[in-house]
Amino acid sequence: MRIAIVTQYFPPDFLGGVEVVVRAQARALQARGHALTIVTGTDRPHAGHDVLEREHEGLAVKVLPRHPSEPYTLELARPRLRELALSLVRDAELVHLHHWSTLSSDLVRGASEHAPVVVSLHDLFVTCPRFFRVSPLPALVCPERGEFEPCARCIEPEAGGTSMTDRLAGLRARARRFELELEHAARILVPSRSHARRLAALIGPAAERIGVLGHGHCRDLSRFSKQRAVWDGARPLRVLHCGNLCREKGTLDLVQSLATLPTGKLELVLAGRVVGPDFEHELRCAAAGLALELTGEYDERELARVAATCDLAAFPTRAPESYGLVLDEVLSLGLPAWISDRGAMHERLGGAGRVLPAQDGAAWSAAFLSLLHDPASLEAERASVPERLTGGAERALELEQVYAQVLAGRQP
């Protein structure tokens, strides 16, 4: 099958959850003999070439840099990038679009004139210019579908002095554009039941074409797994928090919660890319007497090495995670995990950890303090870590079935 994959970024430009998933799916599909065309946006500035061709780990990738005149806007209308992207996918039998943010918001409509388009909604971008419906304004509550006044207030700091009237008009136009995009999608895929429920309330009739297909683990970490000796309270509890390190993922919340606990009883390891200027300094200041170690960005081997020195993983995310790849990664390495109640990770955790309220530092501090007094409870959680998780290759088989149904014109 000739498949075009369209996405916002591709490694090594950026490696977040969407990029890890897209790379894993592309590898698996190519290994099964499909001919792939991968088209991606980038934040690299335009330097005279509209299309950059490169290879990443055996995958051929076509990169479309933006001109300075093509900034991130509410409507995300970028005609030049639209035409470039569509010209590159025109020979595909099927197009799988994963994101629009660095490209243009009308790609599904254009591509569907030549081939059916499957859309994966990895986050809430089609309903929120901040991607996750998490406002930096604590008192602001995200509205229901069709309401935009709270959104207009939310984006005001980045809106360049535009009026409330202009922001409202822009948000309404943005919503119309993405409703049209989803109308033209042959199938909409989401990675969890939680994400499907949340989107169904926000995207209208297109929700009828939503299908749930989990990502599976996208990094084969089990071959590196090396469990640490049982923690019995005689030494400090070593806690791992990995992925992109930022406020939305609860990184600062975790540091602040652990910093309230008795000095010398815990160590926190932060593995991954620090997102945002001065955020590392803010983390270190908040740590106070907490033993804090930042190990930087990692590959599979480095993550396994760090995990082998830890007893427990913690992910107090504020964002409504659509899946939460980091959970699969730490479970693959034999670590139990404590997660927040936001999003989808609870669907896969089972007894291999605890679910605690997001943005409730007192609850997280109390839970860790309880663990310090009862080390045996952690071993019970570790015993519940599954021996095997569904992998990307198995998910590729399910993805092929979705593609076959779409090409045959069948509903899920």
Protein backbone atom coordinates (compact mmCIF):
# COMPACT_ATOMS: atom_id res chain seq x y z
CA MET A 1 0.00 0.00 0.00
CA ARG A 2 1.18 3.53 -0.75
CA ILE A 3 0.69 5.48 2.48
CA ALA A 4 1.41 9.15 3.11
CA ILE A 5 2.06 10.15 6.73
CA VAL A 6 1.69 13.85 7.55
CA THR A 7 2.72 15.26 10.91
CA GLN A 8 3.85 18.38 12.76
CA TYR A 9 7.45 17.36 13.56
CA PHE A 10 9.69 14.38 13.01
CA PRO A 11 12.87 13.42 14.84
CA PRO A 12 15.47 14.73 15.33
CA ASP A 13 13.83 18.19 15.17
CA PHE A 14 11.60 17.40 18.12
CA LEU A 15 10.72 14.23 20.02
CA GLY A 16 7.48 14.41 21.97
CA GLY A 17 4.69 11.89 22.28
CA VAL A 18 3.26 12.43 18.80
CA GLU A 19 6.68 12.05 17.21
CA VAL A 20 7.51 8.86 19.12
CA VAL A 21 4.20 7.33 18.02
CA VAL A 22 4.50 8.40 14.38
CA ARG A 23 8.07 7.08 14.13
CA ALA A 24 7.10 3.74 15.67
CA GLN A 25 4.12 3.34 13.35
CA ALA A 26 6.17 4.30 10.30
CA ARG A 27 8.90 1.80 11.16
CA ALA A 28 6.38 -0.99 11.64
CA LEU A 29 4.46 -0.21 8.45
CA GLN A 30 7.63 0.02 6.38
CA ALA A 31 8.84 -3.27 7.82
CA ARG A 32 5.59 -4.84 6.61
CA GLY A 33 6.33 -3.75 3.05
CA HIS A 34 4.26 -0.59 2.67
CA ALA A 35 5.64 2.30 0.61
CA LEU A 36 5.71 5.41 2.79
CA THR A 37 5.84 9.12 2.06
CA ILE A 38 6.50 11.05 5.30
CA VAL A 39 5.80 14.79 5.22
CA THR A 40 6.52 16.93 8.25
CA GLY A 41 6.62 20.52 9.35
CA THR A 42 9.46 21.98 11.37
CA ASP A 43 10.50 25.01 13.38
CA ARG A 44 13.73 25.29 11.43
CA PRO A 45 13.68 28.55 9.46
CA HIS A 46 13.30 28.59 5.70
CA ALA A 47 16.77 28.91 4.17
CA GLY A 48 16.04 28.88 0.45
CA HIS A 49 14.64 25.36 0.01
CA ASP A 50 10.91 24.64 0.18
CA VAL A 51 11.41 20.90 0.72
CA LEU A 52 14.30 19.33 2.62
CA GLU A 53 14.83 15.62 2.07
CA ARG A 54 16.53 13.58 4.74
CA GLU A 55 16.70 10.08 6.18
CA HIS A 56 16.06 9.21 9.80
CA GLU A 57 16.77 5.67 10.95
CA GLY A 58 15.89 4.19 7.57
CA LEU A 59 12.83 6.38 6.99
CA ALA A 60 12.80 8.93 4.16
CA VAL A 61 11.35 12.23 5.37
CA LYS A 62 10.32 15.38 3.49
CA VAL A 63 10.54 18.49 5.68
CA LEU A 64 8.70 21.75 4.93
CA PRO A 65 10.29 24.82 6.59
CA ARG A 66 8.16 27.93 7.14
CA HIS A 67 8.82 31.47 5.98
CA PRO A 68 8.81 34.21 8.65
CA SER A 69 5.52 35.33 7.05
CA GLU A 70 3.90 32.02 8.09
CA PRO A 71 3.56 32.32 11.88
CA TYR A 72 1.36 30.32 14.20
CA THR A 73 -2.09 31.92 14.01
CA LEU A 74 -5.58 30.96 15.14
CA GLU A 75 -6.84 29.94 11.70
CA LEU A 76 -3.51 28.37 10.70
CA ALA A 77 -4.08 29.14 7.01
CA ARG A 78 -0.79 28.71 5.18
CA PRO A 79 -1.57 28.31 1.45
CA ARG A 80 2.04 27.78 0.36
CA LEU A 81 2.58 24.93 2.81
CA ARG A 82 -0.81 23.48 1.95
CA GLU A 83 0.06 23.22 -1.74
CA LEU A 84 3.51 21.82 -1.03
CA ALA A 85 2.19 19.15 1.33
CA LEU A 86 -0.64 18.15 -1.01
CA SER A 87 1.71 17.86 -3.97
CA LEU A 88 3.88 15.42 -1.98
CA VAL A 89 1.01 13.12 -0.97
CA ARG A 90 -0.96 13.15 -4.21
CA ASP A 91 0.14 9.66 -5.32
CA ALA A 92 -0.76 7.96 -2.05
CA GLU A 93 -3.58 5.45 -1.84
CA LEU A 94 -4.27 6.60 1.72
CA VAL A 95 -3.18 9.60 3.80
CA HIS A 96 -2.76 9.42 7.58
CA LEU A 97 -2.62 12.88 9.14
CA HIS A 98 -1.35 13.19 12.70
CA HIS A 99 -1.16 16.96 13.21
CA TRP A 100 -1.50 20.38 11.58
CA SER A 101 0.29 22.80 13.89
CA THR A 102 3.39 23.51 11.77
CA LEU A 103 1.60 23.08 8.44
CA SER A 104 -1.91 24.25 7.46
CA SER A 105 -5.41 23.66 8.80
CA ASP A 106 -6.97 22.56 5.51
CA LEU A 107 -4.89 19.51 4.59
CA VAL A 108 -7.63 16.92 5.07
CA ARG A 109 -9.97 18.75 2.74
CA GLY A 110 -7.30 18.96 0.06
CA ALA A 111 -5.91 15.44 0.37
CA SER A 112 -9.36 13.81 0.47
CA GLU A 113 -9.91 14.88 -3.15
CA HIS A 114 -7.39 12.20 -4.17
CA ALA A 115 -7.39 9.60 -1.38
CA PRO A 116 -9.20 8.79 1.87
CA VAL A 117 -7.69 10.45 4.93
CA VAL A 118 -7.34 8.90 8.37
CA VAL A 119 -6.84 11.49 11.13
CA SER A 120 -5.25 10.74 14.50
CA LEU A 121 -6.20 13.22 17.21
CA HIS A 122 -3.33 12.93 19.69
CA ASP A 123 -4.42 15.93 21.76
CA LEU A 124 -7.17 18.57 21.83
CA PHE A 125 -5.62 20.87 19.24
CA VAL A 126 -8.72 20.93 17.01
CA THR A 127 -10.61 22.52 19.91
CA CYS A 128 -7.83 24.55 21.55
CA PRO A 129 -4.95 26.68 20.22
CA ARG A 130 -3.05 25.70 23.41
CA PHE A 131 -3.42 22.01 22.39
CA PHE A 132 -4.54 20.61 25.79
CA ARG A 133 -7.38 22.83 27.10
CA VAL A 134 -5.25 23.70 30.13
CA SER A 135 -5.29 27.43 30.79
CA PRO A 136 -2.39 29.32 32.40
CA LEU A 137 -5.06 31.39 34.17
CA PRO A 138 -6.01 29.40 37.29
CA ALA A 139 -9.53 30.83 37.62
CA LEU A 140 -10.46 30.14 34.00
CA VAL A 141 -12.60 27.10 33.18
CA CYS A 142 -12.49 25.74 29.62
CA PRO A 143 -15.91 26.14 27.97
CA GLU A 144 -18.21 23.72 26.24
CA ARG A 145 -18.37 23.36 22.48
CA GLY A 146 -19.38 26.59 20.72
CA GLU A 147 -18.44 28.92 23.57
CA PHE A 148 -15.37 31.11 22.99
CA GLU A 149 -15.29 33.98 25.47
CA PRO A 150 -13.12 32.12 28.03
CA CYS A 151 -10.82 31.06 25.18
CA ALA A 152 -10.46 34.67 24.04
CA ARG A 153 -9.39 35.65 27.56
CA CYS A 154 -7.04 32.67 27.80
CA ILE A 155 -5.06 33.55 24.66
CA GLU A 156 -4.95 37.31 25.29
CA PRO A 157 -1.29 37.35 26.51
CA GLU A 158 -0.12 35.86 23.19
CA ALA A 159 -2.57 37.70 20.95
CA GLY A 160 -0.44 40.76 20.23
CA GLY A 161 -2.82 43.36 21.61
CA THR A 162 -5.80 42.31 19.48
CA SER A 163 -9.28 43.19 20.69
CA MET A 164 -11.70 40.79 22.33
CA THR A 165 -13.91 41.10 19.24
CA ASP A 166 -11.08 40.09 16.91
CA ARG A 167 -10.07 37.18 19.14
CA LEU A 168 -13.62 35.89 19.27
CA ALA A 169 -13.93 36.12 15.48
CA GLY A 170 -10.62 34.30 15.05
CA LEU A 171 -11.61 31.51 17.42
CA ARG A 172 -14.96 31.01 15.69
CA ALA A 173 -13.24 30.88 12.30
CA ARG A 174 -10.70 28.40 13.68
CA ALA A 175 -13.47 26.16 14.98
CA ARG A 176 -15.24 26.23 11.59
CA ARG A 177 -12.03 25.30 9.76
CA PHE A 178 -11.38 22.28 11.95
CA GLU A 179 -15.00 21.16 11.83
CA LEU A 180 -14.67 21.14 8.03
CA GLU A 181 -11.42 19.19 8.29
CA LEU A 182 -12.98 16.49 10.41
CA GLU A 183 -16.03 16.28 8.15
CA HIS A 184 -13.68 15.18 5.37
CA ALA A 185 -11.85 12.54 7.42
CA ALA A 186 -12.70 8.98 6.50
CA ARG A 187 -11.82 7.80 10.01
CA ILE A 188 -10.73 9.50 13.23
CA LEU A 189 -8.43 7.57 15.55
CA VAL A 190 -7.78 8.31 19.22
CA PRO A 191 -5.54 6.34 21.58
CA SER A 192 -7.85 5.89 24.58
CA ARG A 193 -11.46 5.72 25.74
CA SER A 194 -10.91 8.77 27.95
CA HIS A 195 -9.76 10.86 25.00
CA ALA A 196 -12.66 9.61 22.87
CA ARG A 197 -15.18 10.68 25.49
CA ARG A 198 -13.65 14.11 25.88
CA LEU A 199 -13.46 14.76 22.15
CA ALA A 200 -16.99 13.48 21.55
CA ALA A 201 -18.33 16.35 23.63
CA LEU A 202 -16.26 18.90 21.70
CA ILE A 203 -16.19 18.05 17.99
CA GLY A 204 -19.84 17.47 17.12
CA PRO A 205 -21.03 15.01 14.43
CA ALA A 206 -17.48 13.95 13.53
CA ALA A 207 -17.42 12.04 16.84
CA GLU A 208 -19.42 9.30 15.09
CA ARG A 209 -16.28 8.36 13.12
CA ILE A 210 -14.00 8.04 16.17
CA GLY A 211 -12.29 4.71 16.73
CA VAL A 212 -10.02 3.84 19.67
CA LEU A 213 -6.62 2.37 18.85
CA GLY A 214 -4.01 2.48 21.61
CA HIS A 215 -0.42 3.21 20.71
CA GLY A 216 1.22 0.30 22.48
CA HIS A 217 4.77 0.75 23.70
CA CYS A 218 6.75 2.58 21.04
CA ARG A 219 10.23 1.93 22.43
CA ASP A 220 11.29 -1.68 22.97
CA LEU A 221 12.67 -1.27 26.48
CA SER A 222 12.02 -4.73 27.89
CA ARG A 223 15.35 -5.99 26.57
CA PHE A 224 17.10 -3.44 28.78
CA SER A 225 15.04 -4.11 31.89
CA LYS A 226 17.09 -4.54 35.04
CA GLN A 227 15.17 -4.26 38.27
CA ARG A 228 16.60 -2.51 41.28
CA ALA A 229 16.76 -4.33 44.61
CA VAL A 230 13.58 -4.16 46.67
CA TRP A 231 13.25 -0.89 48.55
CA ASP A 232 12.75 -1.60 52.25
CA GLY A 233 13.07 1.92 53.63
CA ALA A 234 16.68 1.49 54.73
CA ARG A 235 17.90 3.81 51.97
CA PRO A 236 16.31 6.88 50.31
CA LEU A 237 13.37 6.18 48.00
CA ARG A 238 14.46 7.06 44.46
CA VAL A 239 11.68 8.48 42.28
CA LEU A 240 11.84 8.84 38.48
CA HIS A 241 9.94 11.45 36.45
CA CYS A 242 10.71 11.29 32.70
CA GLY A 243 9.59 12.76 29.39
CA ASN A 244 9.38 16.44 28.50
CA LEU A 245 9.87 18.34 31.75
CA CYS A 246 7.39 21.22 31.98
CA ARG A 247 4.67 22.76 34.08
CA GLU A 248 1.86 21.03 32.17
CA LYS A 249 3.34 17.60 32.92
CA GLY A 250 3.34 18.36 36.63
CA THR A 251 7.13 18.44 36.93
CA LEU A 252 7.18 21.47 39.23
CA ASP A 253 4.21 20.12 41.20
CA LEU A 254 6.16 16.93 41.91
CA VAL A 255 9.28 18.79 43.01
CA GLN A 256 7.26 21.00 45.34
CA SER A 257 5.40 18.03 46.85
CA LEU A 258 8.54 16.02 47.55
CA ALA A 259 10.40 19.04 48.91
CA THR A 260 7.99 19.11 51.88
CA LEU A 261 9.03 15.61 53.02
CA PRO A 262 11.79 14.76 55.52
CA THR A 263 15.23 15.60 54.16
CA GLY A 264 17.30 12.60 53.14
CA LYS A 265 14.36 10.22 52.71
CA LEU A 266 13.81 10.70 48.97
CA GLU A 267 15.76 11.40 45.79
CA LEU A 268 14.10 12.69 42.63
CA VAL A 269 15.50 11.98 39.16
CA LEU A 270 14.23 14.15 36.30
CA ALA A 271 15.06 12.62 32.91
CA GLY A 272 14.26 14.42 29.68
CA ARG A 273 14.19 17.78 27.98
CA VAL A 274 13.48 20.85 30.11
CA VAL A 275 10.84 22.89 28.26
CA GLY A 276 10.71 26.64 28.77
CA PRO A 277 13.23 29.35 29.64
CA ASP A 278 14.40 29.41 33.24
CA PHE A 279 12.31 26.36 34.13
CA GLU A 280 15.33 24.36 35.28
CA HIS A 281 16.29 27.20 37.62
CA GLU A 282 12.73 27.25 38.97
CA LEU A 283 12.86 23.49 39.59
CA ARG A 284 16.16 23.70 41.44
CA CYS A 285 14.92 26.57 43.60
CA ALA A 286 11.73 24.70 44.47
CA ALA A 287 13.70 21.57 45.43
CA ALA A 288 15.17 23.26 48.54
CA GLY A 289 16.62 20.35 50.57
CA LEU A 290 15.34 17.63 48.22
CA ALA A 291 18.06 15.61 46.45
CA LEU A 292 17.37 16.47 42.81
CA GLU A 293 19.15 15.05 39.76
CA LEU A 294 18.54 16.16 36.18
CA THR A 295 19.97 13.68 33.69
CA GLY A 296 19.04 15.40 30.40
CA GLU A 297 17.58 13.97 27.21
CA TYR A 298 17.79 10.22 26.80
CA ASP A 299 17.66 7.33 24.36
CA GLU A 300 16.32 3.88 25.18
CA ARG A 301 19.55 2.67 26.74
CA GLU A 302 19.97 5.77 28.90
CA LEU A 303 16.37 5.65 30.11
CA ALA A 304 16.84 2.00 31.07
CA ARG A 305 20.06 2.84 32.91
CA VAL A 306 18.40 5.61 34.89
CA ALA A 307 15.28 3.53 35.62
CA ALA A 308 17.43 0.73 37.02
CA THR A 309 18.58 3.12 39.75
CA CYS A 310 15.00 4.03 40.75
CA ASP A 311 12.22 2.44 42.77
CA LEU A 312 9.11 4.23 41.53
CA ALA A 313 7.99 6.52 38.69
CA ALA A 314 5.69 9.53 39.20
CA PHE A 315 3.65 11.47 36.64
CA PRO A 316 1.44 14.14 38.27
CA THR A 317 0.42 15.62 34.92
CA ARG A 318 -1.96 18.57 34.78
CA ALA A 319 -2.78 17.91 31.13
CA PRO A 320 -5.58 15.50 30.15
CA GLU A 321 -3.22 12.92 28.68
CA SER A 322 -4.70 11.23 25.62
CA TYR A 323 -2.50 8.18 26.27
CA GLY A 324 0.71 8.78 28.25
CA LEU A 325 3.58 6.92 26.57
CA VAL A 326 5.85 7.38 29.58
CA LEU A 327 3.68 4.97 31.56
CA ASP A 328 4.30 2.17 29.06
CA GLU A 329 8.00 2.95 29.13
CA VAL A 330 8.44 2.72 32.89
CA LEU A 331 6.20 -0.35 33.17
CA SER A 332 8.31 -2.01 30.44
CA LEU A 333 11.31 -1.37 32.69
CA GLY A 334 9.63 -2.95 35.70
CA LEU A 335 8.81 0.20 37.65
CA PRO A 336 5.45 0.83 39.32
CA ALA A 337 4.04 4.30 38.71
CA TRP A 338 2.00 6.93 40.50
CA ILE A 339 -0.07 9.00 38.11
CA SER A 340 -2.53 11.88 38.24
CA ASP A 341 -6.23 11.46 37.61
CA ARG A 342 -6.09 13.54 34.42
CA GLY A 343 -6.51 11.72 31.15
CA ALA A 344 -6.02 8.14 30.06
CA MET A 345 -3.14 6.59 31.96
CA HIS A 346 -5.42 5.10 34.61
CA GLU A 347 -6.94 2.88 31.90
CA ARG A 348 -3.70 0.86 31.75
CA LEU A 349 -2.22 1.15 35.24
CA GLY A 350 -4.18 -1.53 37.05
CA GLY A 351 -2.62 -2.34 40.41
CA ALA A 352 0.88 -1.30 39.34
CA GLY A 353 0.71 2.02 41.18
CA ARG A 354 -1.67 4.69 42.44
CA VAL A 355 -3.92 7.37 40.96
CA LEU A 356 -3.71 10.70 42.80
CA PRO A 357 -5.44 14.05 42.19
CA ALA A 358 -3.71 16.45 39.80
CA GLN A 359 -2.54 19.80 41.19
CA ASP A 360 -3.07 18.61 44.76
CA GLY A 361 0.36 18.85 46.31
CA ALA A 362 -0.91 17.93 49.77
CA ALA A 363 -2.35 14.65 48.50
CA TRP A 364 0.90 13.71 46.76
CA SER A 365 2.99 14.63 49.81
CA ALA A 366 0.70 12.60 52.07
CA ALA A 367 0.89 9.58 49.77
CA PHE A 368 4.70 9.65 49.72
CA LEU A 369 4.82 10.12 53.47
CA SER A 370 2.56 7.10 53.89
CA LEU A 371 4.88 5.07 51.67
CA LEU A 372 7.90 6.08 53.73
CA HIS A 373 6.10 4.63 56.77
CA ASP A 374 5.00 1.47 54.90
CA PRO A 375 7.69 0.39 52.38
CA ALA A 376 6.06 -3.02 51.84
CA SER A 377 3.16 -1.39 49.99
CA LEU A 378 5.48 -0.47 47.13
CA GLU A 379 6.48 -4.11 46.59
CA ALA A 380 2.82 -5.02 46.16
CA GLU A 381 2.56 -2.42 43.41
CA ARG A 382 5.73 -3.62 41.71
CA ALA A 383 4.39 -7.19 41.74
CA SER A 384 1.44 -5.95 39.66
CA VAL A 385 3.60 -4.54 36.86
CA PRO A 386 2.64 -6.55 33.73
CA GLU A 387 5.27 -8.90 32.33
CA ARG A 388 4.48 -7.88 28.76
CA LEU A 389 2.87 -4.87 27.08
CA THR A 390 1.38 -4.61 23.60
CA GLY A 391 4.00 -3.35 21.18
CA GLY A 392 4.03 -1.12 18.14
CA ALA A 393 4.35 -4.02 15.67
CA GLU A 394 1.08 -5.50 16.93
CA ARG A 395 -0.58 -2.13 16.72
CA ALA A 396 0.61 -1.82 13.10
CA LEU A 397 -1.42 -4.91 12.24
CA GLU A 398 -4.50 -3.25 13.71
CA LEU A 399 -3.69 -0.07 11.83
CA GLU A 400 -3.53 -2.04 8.58
CA GLN A 401 -7.02 -3.35 9.29
CA VAL A 402 -8.28 0.21 9.77
CA TYR A 403 -6.68 1.25 6.47
CA ALA A 404 -8.24 -1.74 4.68
CA GLN A 405 -11.69 -0.85 6.05
CA VAL A 406 -11.30 2.76 4.95
CA LEU A 407 -10.19 1.77 1.46
CA ALA A 408 -13.14 -0.59 1.22
CA GLY A 409 -15.46 2.19 2.36
CA ARG A 410 -16.60 0.33 5.48
CA GLN A 411 -17.58 1.88 8.79
CA PRO A 412 -15.86 0.68 11.99
